[in-house]
Amino acid sequence: MRYWRVPLDAEKVKIPRGEIHLIINRCKGCEFCVEFCPRDVLVMSKDYNVKGYHYPEVAVPDQCVNCDLCQVICPDFAIFCLPQDAEAKSDEEVKDGEG
């Protein structure tokens, strides 16, 4: 997307990134997460889970902006998203605590 001008704080704004986690065997294949993802991160898999349903897969992990819409709309609580920055910080804190 091109803007007609660059915002004054463009270099200060950091786009949030998320990591999507799926509980494959809990999914019933309703496709709500795929349909309502604003960045088209998810696609339906050709494989089946234990229940016999197609489940979603992460197609473009770098496009996830951690909006949590997939988590909110899933009726089976089979998907959740964690911010990438929080995971990196927690790993660093663990390393600092060890030494």
Protein backbone atom coordinates (compact mmCIF):
# COMPACT_ATOMS: atom_id res chain seq x y z
CA MET A 1 0.00 0.00 0.00
CA ARG A 2 1.35 3.39 -0.94
CA TYR A 3 0.59 6.47 1.09
CA TRP A 4 0.46 9.95 -0.34
CA ARG A 5 2.78 11.07 2.45
CA VAL A 6 5.03 9.41 5.00
CA PRO A 7 3.87 9.71 8.62
CA LEU A 8 6.14 11.77 10.84
CA ASP A 9 6.78 8.91 13.24
CA ALA A 10 7.17 6.17 10.60
CA GLU A 11 10.60 5.10 11.86
CA LYS A 12 9.32 4.79 15.46
CA VAL A 13 6.32 2.60 14.65
CA LYS A 14 7.04 -1.10 14.97
CA ILE A 15 4.66 -3.55 13.31
CA PRO A 16 3.71 -6.29 15.78
CA ARG A 17 4.43 -9.85 14.74
CA GLY A 18 2.82 -13.01 16.01
CA GLU A 19 3.36 -16.73 15.95
CA ILE A 20 0.30 -18.89 15.35
CA HIS A 21 -0.08 -22.16 17.25
CA LEU A 22 -2.63 -24.80 16.23
CA ILE A 23 -4.09 -27.67 18.21
CA ILE A 24 -4.78 -29.81 15.16
CA ASN A 25 -6.82 -32.56 16.79
CA ARG A 26 -9.20 -30.05 18.39
CA CYS A 27 -10.13 -28.43 15.03
CA LYS A 28 -13.42 -29.33 13.33
CA GLY A 29 -12.61 -27.64 10.02
CA CYS A 30 -15.10 -24.74 10.15
CA GLU A 31 -12.65 -22.48 8.23
CA PHE A 32 -13.61 -19.35 10.21
CA CYS A 33 -9.98 -18.57 10.98
CA VAL A 34 -9.04 -18.84 7.29
CA GLU A 35 -11.95 -16.72 6.07
CA PHE A 36 -11.59 -13.91 8.59
CA CYS A 37 -7.79 -13.58 8.72
CA PRO A 38 -7.12 -10.01 7.55
CA ARG A 39 -3.64 -10.85 6.21
CA ASP A 40 -4.46 -14.27 4.62
CA VAL A 41 -1.91 -16.07 6.79
CA LEU A 42 -3.88 -19.32 7.03
CA VAL A 43 -4.95 -21.87 4.42
CA MET A 44 -6.79 -25.17 4.79
CA SER A 45 -4.61 -28.28 4.75
CA LYS A 46 -5.18 -31.19 2.44
CA ASP A 47 -4.45 -33.57 5.35
CA TYR A 48 -6.94 -34.76 7.94
CA ASN A 49 -6.80 -34.68 11.73
CA VAL A 50 -7.87 -37.55 14.01
CA LYS A 51 -11.53 -36.53 13.74
CA GLY A 52 -11.40 -36.62 9.92
CA TYR A 53 -11.51 -32.86 9.30
CA HIS A 54 -9.23 -30.66 7.26
CA TYR A 55 -7.38 -28.27 9.56
CA PRO A 56 -5.76 -24.88 8.89
CA GLU A 57 -2.06 -24.43 8.20
CA VAL A 58 0.10 -21.35 8.46
CA ALA A 59 0.95 -20.42 4.88
CA VAL A 60 2.74 -17.09 5.38
CA PRO A 61 4.03 -16.85 8.98
CA ASP A 62 5.80 -13.52 8.38
CA GLN A 63 2.50 -11.76 7.59
CA CYS A 64 0.89 -12.39 11.01
CA VAL A 65 0.40 -9.14 12.93
CA ASN A 66 -0.90 -10.76 16.13
CA CYS A 67 -4.42 -9.40 15.77
CA ASP A 68 -5.81 -12.47 17.64
CA LEU A 69 -8.88 -12.57 15.38
CA CYS A 70 -8.33 -16.27 14.67
CA GLN A 71 -8.22 -16.95 18.40
CA VAL A 72 -11.37 -14.95 19.10
CA ILE A 73 -13.43 -16.47 16.30
CA CYS A 74 -12.48 -20.15 16.76
CA PRO A 75 -15.44 -22.00 18.34
CA ASP A 76 -13.23 -24.92 19.47
CA PHE A 77 -10.30 -22.94 20.94
CA ALA A 78 -8.02 -24.80 18.53
CA ILE A 79 -5.83 -21.84 17.55
CA PHE A 80 -3.98 -19.15 19.44
CA CYS A 81 -1.41 -16.51 18.66
CA LEU A 82 1.54 -15.35 20.74
CA PRO A 83 3.55 -12.19 20.13
CA GLN A 84 7.04 -12.94 18.81
CA ASP A 85 8.62 -10.19 20.92
CA ALA A 86 7.29 -11.68 24.17
CA GLU A 87 8.79 -15.07 23.34
CA ALA A 88 12.17 -13.53 22.57
CA LYS A 89 12.08 -11.50 25.80
CA SER A 90 11.12 -14.51 27.90
CA ASP A 91 14.00 -16.53 26.41
CA GLU A 92 16.44 -13.70 27.19
CA GLU A 93 15.12 -13.43 30.75
CA VAL A 94 15.63 -17.17 31.25
CA LYS A 95 19.21 -16.91 29.98
CA ASP A 96 19.88 -13.95 32.28
CA GLY A 97 18.48 -15.86 35.26
CA GLU A 98 20.75 -18.86 34.66
CA GLY A 99 24.02 -16.92 34.72
